[in-house]
Every structure is written in C-alpha cells, then in structure tokens.
C-alpha atoms as a PDB file:
ATOM      1  CA  UNK A   1     -39.227 227.487 153.668  1.00  0.00           C
ATOM      2  CA  UNK A   2     -41.063 229.101 150.726  1.00  0.00           C
ATOM      3  CA  UNK A   3     -41.447 232.860 150.955  1.00  0.00           C
ATOM      4  CA  UNK A   4     -45.201 232.474 151.371  1.00  0.00           C
ATOM      5  CA  UNK A   5     -44.840 230.310 154.478  1.00  0.00           C
ATOM      6  CA  UNK A   6     -46.039 231.842 157.731  1.00  0.00           C
ATOM      7  CA  UNK A   7     -43.526 232.735 160.398  1.00  0.00           C
ATOM      8  CA  UNK A   8     -42.717 229.974 162.868  1.00  0.00           C
ATOM      9  CA  UNK A   9     -44.939 230.042 165.938  1.00  0.00           C
ATOM     10  CA  UNK A  10     -43.340 231.533 169.020  1.00  0.00           C
ATOM     11  CA  UNK A  11     -41.514 228.819 170.948  1.00  0.00           C
ATOM     12  CA  UNK A  12     -41.048 226.485 167.972  1.00  0.00           C
ATOM     13  CA  UNK A  13     -37.330 226.073 167.372  1.00  0.00           C
ATOM     14  CA  UNK A  14     -37.538 224.516 163.929  1.00  0.00           C
ATOM     15  CA  UNK A  15     -39.121 224.831 160.499  1.00  0.00           C
ATOM     16  CA  UNK A  16     -38.360 221.311 159.239  1.00  0.00           C
ATOM     17  CA  UNK A  17     -38.063 217.814 160.689  1.00  0.00           C
ATOM     18  CA  UNK A  18     -35.157 215.611 159.622  1.00  0.00           C
ATOM     19  CA  UNK A  19     -35.673 212.066 160.872  1.00  0.00           C
ATOM     20  CA  UNK A  20     -33.698 208.842 160.906  1.00  0.00           C
ATOM     21  CA  UNK A  21     -35.372 205.678 159.624  1.00  0.00           C
ATOM     22  CA  UNK A  22     -33.963 202.594 161.348  1.00  0.00           C
ATOM     23  CA  UNK A  23     -34.744 202.184 165.042  1.00  0.00           C
ATOM     24  CA  UNK A  24     -36.992 205.243 164.883  1.00  0.00           C
ATOM     25  CA  UNK A  25     -39.520 204.435 162.160  1.00  0.00           C
ATOM     26  CA  UNK A  26     -38.404 201.003 160.931  1.00  0.00           C
ATOM     27  CA  UNK A  27     -37.604 198.094 163.216  1.00  0.00           C
ATOM     28  CA  UNK A  28     -36.188 194.654 162.492  1.00  0.00           C
ATOM     29  CA  UNK A  29     -37.334 191.432 164.140  1.00  0.00           C
ATOM     30  CA  UNK A  30     -34.112 189.574 164.945  1.00  0.00           C
ATOM     31  CA  UNK A  31     -35.772 186.787 166.945  1.00  0.00           C
ATOM     32  CA  UNK A  32     -35.417 184.244 164.090  1.00  0.00           C
ATOM     33  CA  UNK A  33     -31.738 185.145 163.786  1.00  0.00           C
ATOM     34  CA  UNK A  34     -31.229 184.825 167.535  1.00  0.00           C
ATOM     35  CA  UNK A  35     -32.707 181.319 167.427  1.00  0.00           C
ATOM     36  CA  UNK A  36     -30.264 180.343 164.689  1.00  0.00           C
ATOM     37  CA  UNK A  37     -27.375 181.786 166.689  1.00  0.00           C
ATOM     38  CA  UNK A  38     -28.325 179.740 169.747  1.00  0.00           C
ATOM     39  CA  UNK A  39     -28.554 176.607 167.605  1.00  0.00           C
ATOM     40  CA  UNK A  40     -25.079 177.348 166.259  1.00  0.00           C
ATOM     41  CA  UNK A  41     -23.646 177.854 169.734  1.00  0.00           C
ATOM     42  CA  UNK A  42     -23.131 181.577 169.227  1.00  0.00           C
ATOM     43  CA  UNK A  43     -24.145 184.351 171.634  1.00  0.00           C
ATOM     44  CA  UNK A  44     -27.081 186.462 170.532  1.00  0.00           C
ATOM     45  CA  UNK A  45     -25.812 189.428 168.543  1.00  0.00           C
ATOM     46  CA  UNK A  46     -22.736 187.667 167.175  1.00  0.00           C
ATOM     47  CA  UNK A  47     -23.979 188.029 163.610  1.00  0.00           C
ATOM     48  CA  UNK A  48     -24.804 191.710 163.868  1.00  0.00           C
ATOM     49  CA  UNK A  49     -21.431 192.359 165.507  1.00  0.00           C
ATOM     50  CA  UNK A  50     -19.780 191.106 162.329  1.00  0.00           C
ATOM     51  CA  UNK A  51     -22.356 192.593 159.950  1.00  0.00           C
ATOM     52  CA  UNK A  52     -22.291 196.108 161.351  1.00  0.00           C
ATOM     53  CA  UNK A  53     -18.539 196.442 161.682  1.00  0.00           C
ATOM     54  CA  UNK A  54     -17.593 199.478 159.547  1.00  0.00           C
ATOM     55  CA  UNK A  55     -15.441 197.491 157.146  1.00  0.00           C
ATOM     56  CA  UNK A  56     -18.388 195.168 156.400  1.00  0.00           C
ATOM     57  CA  UNK A  57     -21.339 197.533 156.657  1.00  0.00           C
ATOM     58  CA  UNK A  58     -20.090 200.824 155.242  1.00  0.00           C
ATOM     59  CA  UNK A  59     -19.517 199.598 151.666  1.00  0.00           C
ATOM     60  CA  UNK A  60     -23.176 198.512 151.582  1.00  0.00           C
ATOM     61  CA  UNK A  61     -24.406 201.816 153.004  1.00  0.00           C
ATOM     62  CA  UNK A  62     -22.365 203.776 150.474  1.00  0.00           C
ATOM     63  CA  UNK A  63     -23.838 201.812 147.572  1.00  0.00           C
ATOM     64  CA  UNK A  64     -20.530 200.163 146.689  1.00  0.00           C
ATOM     65  CA  UNK A  65     -21.636 196.545 147.166  1.00  0.00           C
ATOM     66  CA  UNK A  66     -24.893 194.627 146.834  1.00  0.00           C
ATOM     67  CA  UNK A  67     -26.813 193.046 149.715  1.00  0.00           C
ATOM     68  CA  UNK A  68     -25.650 189.660 148.386  1.00  0.00           C
ATOM     69  CA  UNK A  69     -22.026 190.776 148.697  1.00  0.00           C
ATOM     70  CA  UNK A  70     -22.782 191.994 152.218  1.00  0.00           C
ATOM     71  CA  UNK A  71     -24.077 188.539 153.131  1.00  0.00           C
ATOM     72  CA  UNK A  72     -20.889 187.075 151.656  1.00  0.00           C
ATOM     73  CA  UNK A  73     -18.825 189.338 153.897  1.00  0.00           C
ATOM     74  CA  UNK A  74     -20.846 188.380 156.976  1.00  0.00           C
ATOM     75  CA  UNK A  75     -20.444 184.691 156.167  1.00  0.00           C
ATOM     76  CA  UNK A  76     -16.701 185.138 155.729  1.00  0.00           C
ATOM     77  CA  UNK A  77     -16.498 186.707 159.177  1.00  0.00           C
ATOM     78  CA  UNK A  78     -18.374 183.827 160.834  1.00  0.00           C
ATOM     79  CA  UNK A  79     -17.095 180.807 158.930  1.00  0.00           C
ATOM     80  CA  UNK A  80     -14.217 180.064 161.295  1.00  0.00           C
ATOM     81  CA  UNK A  81     -16.687 179.881 164.181  1.00  0.00           C
ATOM     82  CA  UNK A  82     -19.581 177.901 162.722  1.00  0.00           C
ATOM     83  CA  UNK A  83     -18.565 176.614 159.291  1.00  0.00           C
ATOM     84  CA  UNK A  84     -19.351 178.004 155.861  1.00  0.00           C
ATOM     85  CA  UNK A  85     -22.923 176.746 155.447  1.00  0.00           C
ATOM     86  CA  UNK A  86     -24.157 177.897 158.820  1.00  0.00           C
ATOM     87  CA  UNK A  87     -22.310 181.197 158.516  1.00  0.00           C
ATOM     88  CA  UNK A  88     -24.125 181.905 155.261  1.00  0.00           C
ATOM     89  CA  UNK A  89     -27.445 180.910 156.837  1.00  0.00           C
ATOM     90  CA  UNK A  90     -26.858 183.417 159.625  1.00  0.00           C
ATOM     91  CA  UNK A  91     -25.886 186.194 157.241  1.00  0.00           C
ATOM     92  CA  UNK A  92     -28.933 185.588 155.072  1.00  0.00           C
ATOM     93  CA  UNK A  93     -31.204 185.501 158.129  1.00  0.00           C
ATOM     94  CA  UNK A  94     -30.030 188.966 159.067  1.00  0.00           C
ATOM     95  CA  UNK A  95     -30.531 190.256 155.534  1.00  0.00           C
ATOM     96  CA  UNK A  96     -34.037 188.761 155.460  1.00  0.00           C
ATOM     97  CA  UNK A  97     -35.077 189.835 158.967  1.00  0.00           C
ATOM     98  CA  UNK A  98     -38.783 190.794 159.076  1.00  0.00           C
ATOM     99  CA  UNK A  99     -39.436 194.527 159.369  1.00  0.00           C
ATOM    100  CA  UNK A 100     -42.240 196.677 160.708  1.00  0.00           C
ATOM    101  CA  UNK A 101     -42.987 200.364 160.934  1.00  0.00           C
ATOM    102  CA  UNK A 102     -43.865 201.909 164.285  1.00  0.00           C
ATOM    103  CA  UNK A 103     -47.394 203.165 163.654  1.00  0.00           C
ATOM    104  CA  UNK A 104     -47.262 205.728 166.452  1.00  0.00           C
ATOM    105  CA  UNK A 105     -44.090 207.297 165.078  1.00  0.00           C
ATOM    106  CA  UNK A 106     -45.460 207.264 161.539  1.00  0.00           C
ATOM    107  CA  UNK A 107     -48.608 209.044 162.737  1.00  0.00           C
ATOM    108  CA  UNK A 108     -46.561 211.681 164.569  1.00  0.00           C
ATOM    109  CA  UNK A 109     -44.415 212.322 161.502  1.00  0.00           C
ATOM    110  CA  UNK A 110     -47.394 212.508 159.165  1.00  0.00           C
ATOM    111  CA  UNK A 111     -49.017 215.046 161.444  1.00  0.00           C
ATOM    112  CA  UNK A 112     -45.821 217.101 161.653  1.00  0.00           C
ATOM    113  CA  UNK A 113     -45.537 217.066 157.865  1.00  0.00           C
ATOM    114  CA  UNK A 114     -48.835 218.875 157.531  1.00  0.00           C
ATOM    115  CA  UNK A 115     -47.068 221.849 159.131  1.00  0.00           C
ATOM    116  CA  UNK A 116     -43.374 221.633 158.161  1.00  0.00           C
ATOM    117  CA  UNK A 117     -41.260 219.766 155.587  1.00  0.00           C
ATOM    118  CA  UNK A 118     -40.221 216.250 156.605  1.00  0.00           C
ATOM    119  CA  UNK A 119     -37.016 214.621 155.320  1.00  0.00           C
ATOM    120  CA  UNK A 120     -35.878 211.086 156.086  1.00  0.00           C
ATOM    121  CA  UNK A 121     -32.116 210.984 156.642  1.00  0.00           C
ATOM    122  CA  UNK A 122     -30.855 207.427 156.677  1.00  0.00           C
ATOM    123  CA  UNK A 123     -27.785 205.267 156.263  1.00  0.00           C
ATOM    124  CA  UNK A 124     -29.430 202.801 153.904  1.00  0.00           C
ATOM    125  CA  UNK A 125     -28.893 200.594 150.876  1.00  0.00           C
ATOM    126  CA  UNK A 126     -29.783 201.151 147.244  1.00  0.00           C
ATOM    127  CA  UNK A 127     -32.910 199.071 147.927  1.00  0.00           C
ATOM    128  CA  UNK A 128     -34.394 201.780 150.140  1.00  0.00           C
ATOM    129  CA  UNK A 129     -37.117 202.798 147.689  1.00  0.00           C
ATOM    130  CA  UNK A 130     -38.399 199.213 147.545  1.00  0.00           C
ATOM    131  CA  UNK A 131     -38.085 198.882 151.327  1.00  0.00           C
ATOM    132  CA  UNK A 132     -40.249 201.957 151.900  1.00  0.00           C
ATOM    133  CA  UNK A 133     -42.833 200.708 149.419  1.00  0.00           C
ATOM    134  CA  UNK A 134     -43.001 197.378 151.245  1.00  0.00           C
ATOM    135  CA  UNK A 135     -43.853 199.223 154.450  1.00  0.00           C
ATOM    136  CA  UNK A 136     -46.342 201.543 152.754  1.00  0.00           C
ATOM    137  CA  UNK A 137     -44.147 204.563 153.503  1.00  0.00           C
ATOM    138  CA  UNK A 138     -43.351 205.811 150.014  1.00  0.00           C
ATOM    139  CA  UNK A 139     -45.303 208.999 150.688  1.00  0.00           C
ATOM    140  CA  UNK A 140     -44.189 209.510 154.286  1.00  0.00           C
ATOM    141  CA  UNK A 141     -41.684 212.307 153.655  1.00  0.00           C
ATOM    142  CA  UNK A 142     -41.128 215.203 151.287  1.00  0.00           C
ATOM    143  CA  UNK A 143     -37.647 213.907 150.526  1.00  0.00           C
ATOM    144  CA  UNK A 144     -35.279 211.070 151.382  1.00  0.00           C
ATOM    145  CA  UNK A 145     -31.544 211.495 151.898  1.00  0.00           C
ATOM    146  CA  UNK A 146     -29.977 208.045 151.580  1.00  0.00           C
ATOM    147  CA  UNK A 147     -26.302 207.341 152.214  1.00  0.00           C
ATOM    148  CA  UNK A 148     -26.183 204.844 149.342  1.00  0.00           C
ATOM    149  CA  UNK A 149     -27.463 207.436 146.886  1.00  0.00           C
ATOM    150  CA  UNK A 150     -25.428 210.365 148.188  1.00  0.00           C
ATOM    151  CA  UNK A 151     -22.388 208.130 148.837  1.00  0.00           C
ATOM    152  CA  UNK A 152     -21.804 209.765 152.183  1.00  0.00           C
ATOM    153  CA  UNK A 153     -23.061 208.480 155.528  1.00  0.00           C
ATOM    154  CA  UNK A 154     -24.003 209.906 158.901  1.00  0.00           C
ATOM    155  CA  UNK A 155     -22.349 211.367 160.894  1.00  0.00           C
ATOM    156  CA  UNK A 156     -20.551 213.115 158.007  1.00  0.00           C
ATOM    157  CA  UNK A 157     -21.643 216.789 158.105  1.00  0.00           C
ATOM    158  CA  UNK A 158     -22.356 216.682 154.368  1.00  0.00           C
ATOM    159  CA  UNK A 159     -25.397 214.474 154.976  1.00  0.00           C
ATOM    160  CA  UNK A 160     -27.022 217.039 157.224  1.00  0.00           C
ATOM    161  CA  UNK A 161     -26.318 219.885 154.844  1.00  0.00           C
ATOM    162  CA  UNK A 162     -27.914 217.920 151.995  1.00  0.00           C
ATOM    163  CA  UNK A 163     -30.968 217.203 154.149  1.00  0.00           C
ATOM    164  CA  UNK A 164     -31.416 220.838 155.155  1.00  0.00           C
ATOM    165  CA  UNK A 165     -31.117 221.869 151.505  1.00  0.00           C
ATOM    166  CA  UNK A 166     -33.765 219.328 150.500  1.00  0.00           C
ATOM    167  CA  UNK A 167     -36.046 220.698 153.196  1.00  0.00           C
ATOM    168  CA  UNK A 168     -35.412 224.244 151.994  1.00  0.00           C
ATOM    169  CA  UNK A 169     -34.639 225.341 155.552  1.00  0.00           C
ATOM    170  CA  UNK A 170     -31.420 226.655 157.173  1.00  0.00           C
ATOM    171  CA  UNK A 171     -29.660 224.075 159.317  1.00  0.00           C
ATOM    172  CA  UNK A 172     -30.276 226.142 162.436  1.00  0.00           C
ATOM    173  CA  UNK A 173     -34.033 225.813 161.872  1.00  0.00           C
ATOM    174  CA  UNK A 174     -34.031 222.001 161.522  1.00  0.00           C
ATOM    175  CA  UNK A 175     -35.061 219.443 164.119  1.00  0.00           C
ATOM    176  CA  UNK A 176     -32.972 216.274 163.742  1.00  0.00           C
ATOM    177  CA  UNK A 177     -34.090 212.959 165.273  1.00  0.00           C
ATOM    178  CA  UNK A 178     -31.865 209.878 165.473  1.00  0.00           C
ATOM    179  CA  UNK A 179     -31.278 206.882 167.757  1.00  0.00           C
ATOM    180  CA  UNK A 180     -27.463 207.253 167.730  1.00  0.00           C
ATOM    181  CA  UNK A 181     -25.822 209.890 169.898  1.00  0.00           C
ATOM    182  CA  UNK A 182     -22.946 210.451 167.452  1.00  0.00           C
ATOM    183  CA  UNK A 183     -25.431 211.308 164.707  1.00  0.00           C
ATOM    184  CA  UNK A 184     -27.340 213.699 166.964  1.00  0.00           C
ATOM    185  CA  UNK A 185     -24.099 215.355 168.050  1.00  0.00           C
ATOM    186  CA  UNK A 186     -23.040 215.874 164.430  1.00  0.00           C
ATOM    187  CA  UNK A 187     -26.362 217.562 163.659  1.00  0.00           C
ATOM    188  CA  UNK A 188     -26.122 219.752 166.743  1.00  0.00           C
ATOM    189  CA  UNK A 189     -22.620 220.831 165.701  1.00  0.00           C
ATOM    190  CA  UNK A 190     -24.214 222.371 162.593  1.00  0.00           C
ATOM    191  CA  UNK A 191     -26.735 224.272 164.704  1.00  0.00           C
ATOM    192  CA  UNK A 192     -29.641 221.854 164.388  1.00  0.00           C
ATOM    193  CA  UNK A 193     -31.890 220.982 167.312  1.00  0.00           C
ATOM    194  CA  UNK A 194     -30.918 217.390 168.075  1.00  0.00           C
ATOM    195  CA  UNK A 195     -33.153 214.749 169.626  1.00  0.00           C
ATOM    196  CA  UNK A 196     -31.842 211.374 170.770  1.00  0.00           C
ATOM    197  CA  UNK A 197     -34.638 208.889 170.103  1.00  0.00           C
ATOM    198  CA  UNK A 198     -35.413 206.043 172.494  1.00  0.00           C
ATOM    199  CA  UNK A 199     -39.213 205.829 172.345  1.00  0.00           C
ATOM    200  CA  UNK A 200     -42.154 207.594 170.699  1.00  0.00           C
ATOM    201  CA  UNK A 201     -42.505 209.881 173.697  1.00  0.00           C
ATOM    202  CA  UNK A 202     -39.159 211.456 172.763  1.00  0.00           C
ATOM    203  CA  UNK A 203     -40.467 212.405 169.339  1.00  0.00           C
ATOM    204  CA  UNK A 204     -43.808 213.537 170.716  1.00  0.00           C
ATOM    205  CA  UNK A 205     -42.098 215.848 173.212  1.00  0.00           C
ATOM    206  CA  UNK A 206     -39.767 217.252 170.555  1.00  0.00           C
ATOM    207  CA  UNK A 207     -42.614 218.034 168.165  1.00  0.00           C
ATOM    208  CA  UNK A 208     -44.721 219.688 170.838  1.00  0.00           C
ATOM    209  CA  UNK A 209     -48.246 220.825 170.080  1.00  0.00           C
ATOM    210  CA  UNK A 210     -48.455 220.261 166.317  1.00  0.00           C
ATOM    211  CA  UNK A 211     -52.166 220.874 166.421  1.00  0.00           C
ATOM    212  CA  UNK A 212     -51.497 224.483 167.361  1.00  0.00           C
ATOM    213  CA  UNK A 213     -49.193 225.149 164.398  1.00  0.00           C
ATOM    214  CA  UNK A 214     -50.364 226.862 161.258  1.00  0.00           C
ATOM    215  CA  UNK A 215     -50.803 224.430 158.347  1.00  0.00           C
ATOM    216  CA  UNK A 216     -48.375 224.511 155.444  1.00  0.00           C
ATOM    217  CA  UNK A 217     -49.490 226.780 152.613  1.00  0.00           C
ATOM    218  CA  UNK A 218     -51.224 225.180 149.660  1.00  0.00           C
ATOM    219  CA  UNK A 219     -48.727 224.012 147.062  1.00  0.00           C
ATOM    220  CA  UNK A 220     -45.900 223.465 149.557  1.00  0.00           C
ATOM    221  CA  UNK A 221     -46.429 219.729 149.904  1.00  0.00           C
ATOM    222  CA  UNK A 222     -43.314 218.895 147.882  1.00  0.00           C
ATOM    223  CA  UNK A 223     -40.795 221.696 148.432  1.00  0.00           C
ATOM    224  CA  UNK A 224     -37.835 219.605 147.292  1.00  0.00           C
ATOM    225  CA  UNK A 225     -37.125 216.715 144.984  1.00  0.00           C
ATOM    226  CA  UNK A 226     -37.420 213.222 146.330  1.00  0.00           C
ATOM    227  CA  UNK A 227     -34.538 210.783 146.496  1.00  0.00           C
ATOM    228  CA  UNK A 228     -32.634 210.825 143.235  1.00  0.00           C
END
C-alpha cells in the first residue's frame, strides 16, 4: 500500500483483494451446449471434459494458441464419437457460450475497491480485455493478472506473486478468492488469506464490514499498472 495509506483496521487480515474471474464474477450459460450434446447422444459435460483437459486448455490459457485453434482441438477430441461436423458444432458452442456477470459479486468487489486495491487474477485468453468490455467490467479492478499475458497459470506460485506486486501489498496481507481449492491452497501456501468461493455469501463474509473501513486515500485509485 502507498505510504500515505492508513493502517489496516483492527481485525482486518488483508490490505488488498485478489479475485478470480470465472465462476466467481463471470458465469457461462452452457444450456445451449447441453442441448446439442443430448441431440448428439452425448452426456452433458462431454464437451467440457475434452475442452478443459490440460493438454487442450492450457495452451489457450498461456496465450500459445487462438480460440479457433482451441475449437479445432475440441473437435478433434470428439470426432470419433459424433463425427467431424457435429464435433466442431459442439466445440464452437462452448466457445460461444453466453456469459453474464454476477451483479451481487460485482457490487461487493466495487465496494471493497473503495477501501483496498482490487486485482483480478484469472486463467484467461488473450481476448480477456474484450471480454471484460463486453460485460462492462473494464473498470472493475485496479489491475488484471491474466495467464495468457503472463504466460503462467494458477496454481503456479508466480501468478500470486505477480498479483501481490500489482496490488502493491505483501502476499501475507492479500485476500485471495477463487472457486478452485487447488488455487486457494497455492495462495495460502504463500501466506495469503484464502477463500474458497461457492456463492456470494462466501465473498461477503470474507470482506466483512467494508462500510466500517477507512476509504482509500485520494490518488490511490490506480496503484499499479493495468494488464499489459
């Protein structure tokens, strides 16, 4: 935190919030995909099982392939089961799944940001900037740490160190929120306060009484550079 920042209130275990994006702030509607899977005779989730396998998903999240190449890889993994045309249709349906932002979570994070730095820490593609703009969330955080930009993904410890540096806060004074236990555990191993997210109440409880915190000093609204 800047030298002019007030001391943390008694009982508050953090001076910055580091928050995951997907399945915390951003959610995908996979109902259209599920309908296509049923029509193809596949169990629901068959497409995501292929798509999110590390050998298919990680190259996308590290910025090494394009979303189109990711769809190609998904189609290749499904072709033997449903044929090439339908496999591609399923892969594209996942890539094009409608998205929404959880308004309650966004409101909680915006309120927290008036008191402490907020950094989004996400395994995401090189299209993240456009994705955030589509959701109206370009100004949600002080900084964004994206795996595709940094070329390192959670739960690699380097991601958390980068995020703490962007927040300008020691790791031990960061609150980290994520929906995956392995990511929370990795943050906790660096001394961060980890929160496993399942619903907005988890975030609300972790943040505590924001209204009682001192506001951030004037001029501290952008303590670190945004996503490079």
